[in-house]
Amino acid sequence: SSGINAEYGDHFLFVSGDPNLISAGMERDWPEGRGIFHNEAKTFLVWVNEEDQTRIISMQKGGDVKAVFERLARAIKAVQDSVKEKSGKDFLFDEKYGYIHSCPTRDHPTT
């Protein structure tokens, strides 16, 4: 469909076959249990169960870094609040390492 083609063109769809993900056992249920949600402007996205359990992205063209960061901060809080409300759990945080994620191709956990 044209929607799927647009998502490929925007580089929003997951790609299977990454040797790092395969070796970490992260493609064993591919493609079930994964999804991408974004706003109409495609300036905010949430990827679910790709490399990270949840990847929250804020982006836009131009140089308004403050707007991008503010959108990201609001979104992280909204997702975190929703997770807490529905499951009673919070994002995993370690005093030494920060927020923990499972991506085998990243150097350090980041927020």
Protein backbone atom coordinates (compact mmCIF):
# COMPACT_ATOMS: atom_id res chain seq x y z
CA SER A 1 0.00 0.00 0.00
CA SER A 2 1.05 3.63 -0.36
CA GLY A 3 1.20 3.95 3.45
CA ILE A 4 3.76 1.17 3.72
CA ASN A 5 5.79 2.63 0.84
CA ALA A 6 5.80 6.03 2.58
CA GLU A 7 7.01 4.42 5.81
CA TYR A 8 9.86 2.69 3.95
CA GLY A 9 10.72 6.00 2.28
CA ASP A 10 10.78 7.74 5.63
CA HIS A 11 12.99 4.94 7.05
CA PHE A 12 10.37 4.25 9.74
CA LEU A 13 9.78 0.55 9.11
CA PHE A 14 11.90 -2.14 10.77
CA VAL A 15 14.31 -4.11 8.64
CA SER A 16 14.87 -7.78 9.35
CA GLY A 17 18.16 -9.62 8.96
CA ASP A 18 20.52 -7.48 11.08
CA PRO A 19 23.25 -9.92 12.23
CA ASN A 20 23.63 -8.12 15.59
CA LEU A 21 19.92 -8.52 16.37
CA ILE A 22 19.92 -12.14 15.21
CA SER A 23 22.94 -13.07 17.36
CA ALA A 24 21.32 -11.42 20.40
CA GLY A 25 18.13 -13.45 19.81
CA MET A 26 16.12 -10.31 19.18
CA GLU A 27 14.54 -11.40 15.88
CA ARG A 28 13.16 -14.75 17.05
CA ASP A 29 9.54 -13.54 16.88
CA TRP A 30 9.97 -11.27 13.83
CA PRO A 31 7.79 -9.39 12.84
CA GLU A 32 5.06 -10.06 15.44
CA GLY A 33 4.94 -7.89 18.55
CA ARG A 34 6.50 -4.83 16.93
CA GLY A 35 5.10 -1.50 15.86
CA ILE A 36 5.72 2.14 15.06
CA PHE A 37 3.40 4.93 16.10
CA HIS A 38 3.84 8.54 14.93
CA ASN A 39 2.03 11.82 14.83
CA GLU A 40 0.67 13.21 11.55
CA ALA A 41 3.65 15.54 11.10
CA LYS A 42 6.06 12.63 11.73
CA THR A 43 7.99 14.74 14.23
CA PHE A 44 7.28 12.27 17.05
CA LEU A 45 7.61 8.47 16.84
CA VAL A 46 7.51 5.55 19.23
CA TRP A 47 9.10 2.31 18.02
CA VAL A 48 8.05 -0.72 20.06
CA ASN A 49 10.21 -3.87 20.27
CA GLU A 50 12.71 -3.19 17.52
CA GLU A 51 16.23 -3.01 19.05
CA ASP A 52 15.04 -1.34 22.25
CA GLN A 53 11.82 -2.27 24.03
CA THR A 54 10.69 1.30 23.39
CA ARG A 55 12.44 3.94 21.33
CA ILE A 56 10.95 7.42 21.67
CA ILE A 57 12.02 9.85 18.94
CA SER A 58 11.46 13.57 18.50
CA MET A 59 12.75 15.26 15.36
CA GLN A 60 12.07 18.06 12.92
CA LYS A 61 13.78 19.97 10.16
CA GLY A 62 15.52 23.20 11.03
CA GLY A 63 17.47 24.23 14.06
CA ASP A 64 14.86 24.52 16.81
CA VAL A 65 16.56 22.12 19.22
CA LYS A 66 14.55 23.46 22.15
CA ALA A 67 11.23 22.52 20.51
CA VAL A 68 12.53 19.04 19.66
CA PHE A 69 13.77 18.49 23.22
CA GLU A 70 10.59 19.85 24.84
CA ARG A 71 8.46 17.52 22.67
CA LEU A 72 10.72 14.60 23.60
CA ALA A 73 10.56 15.38 27.33
CA ARG A 74 6.73 15.65 27.26
CA ALA A 75 6.47 12.42 25.29
CA ILE A 76 8.79 10.44 27.58
CA LYS A 77 6.79 11.61 30.59
CA ALA A 78 3.48 10.70 28.90
CA VAL A 79 4.71 7.22 27.95
CA GLN A 80 6.21 6.69 31.41
CA ASP A 81 2.99 7.82 33.12
CA SER A 82 0.91 5.52 30.90
CA VAL A 83 3.16 2.52 31.64
CA LYS A 84 2.95 3.23 35.38
CA GLU A 85 -0.84 3.62 35.25
CA LYS A 86 -1.46 0.43 33.26
CA SER A 87 1.21 -1.86 34.76
CA GLY A 88 2.32 -0.31 38.03
CA LYS A 89 5.91 -0.48 36.75
CA ASP A 90 8.42 2.21 35.80
CA PHE A 91 11.31 2.51 33.33
CA LEU A 92 14.38 0.61 34.58
CA PHE A 93 16.99 3.02 35.97
CA ASP A 94 20.36 2.21 37.48
CA GLU A 95 22.24 4.80 39.57
CA LYS A 96 25.53 3.96 37.84
CA TYR A 97 24.42 3.25 34.24
CA GLY A 98 21.27 5.36 33.84
CA TYR A 99 18.28 4.07 31.92
CA ILE A 100 18.75 0.46 30.85
CA HIS A 101 17.90 -0.85 27.37
CA SER A 102 18.68 -3.94 25.35
CA CYS A 103 20.18 -2.60 22.12
CA PRO A 104 23.30 -4.68 21.35
CA THR A 105 24.63 -2.12 18.84
CA ARG A 106 24.78 0.91 21.13
CA ASP A 107 27.74 1.75 23.36
CA HIS A 108 25.92 3.03 26.46
CA PRO A 109 22.40 3.29 27.85
CA THR A 110 21.03 6.74 27.16
CA THR A 111 17.93 8.75 27.90
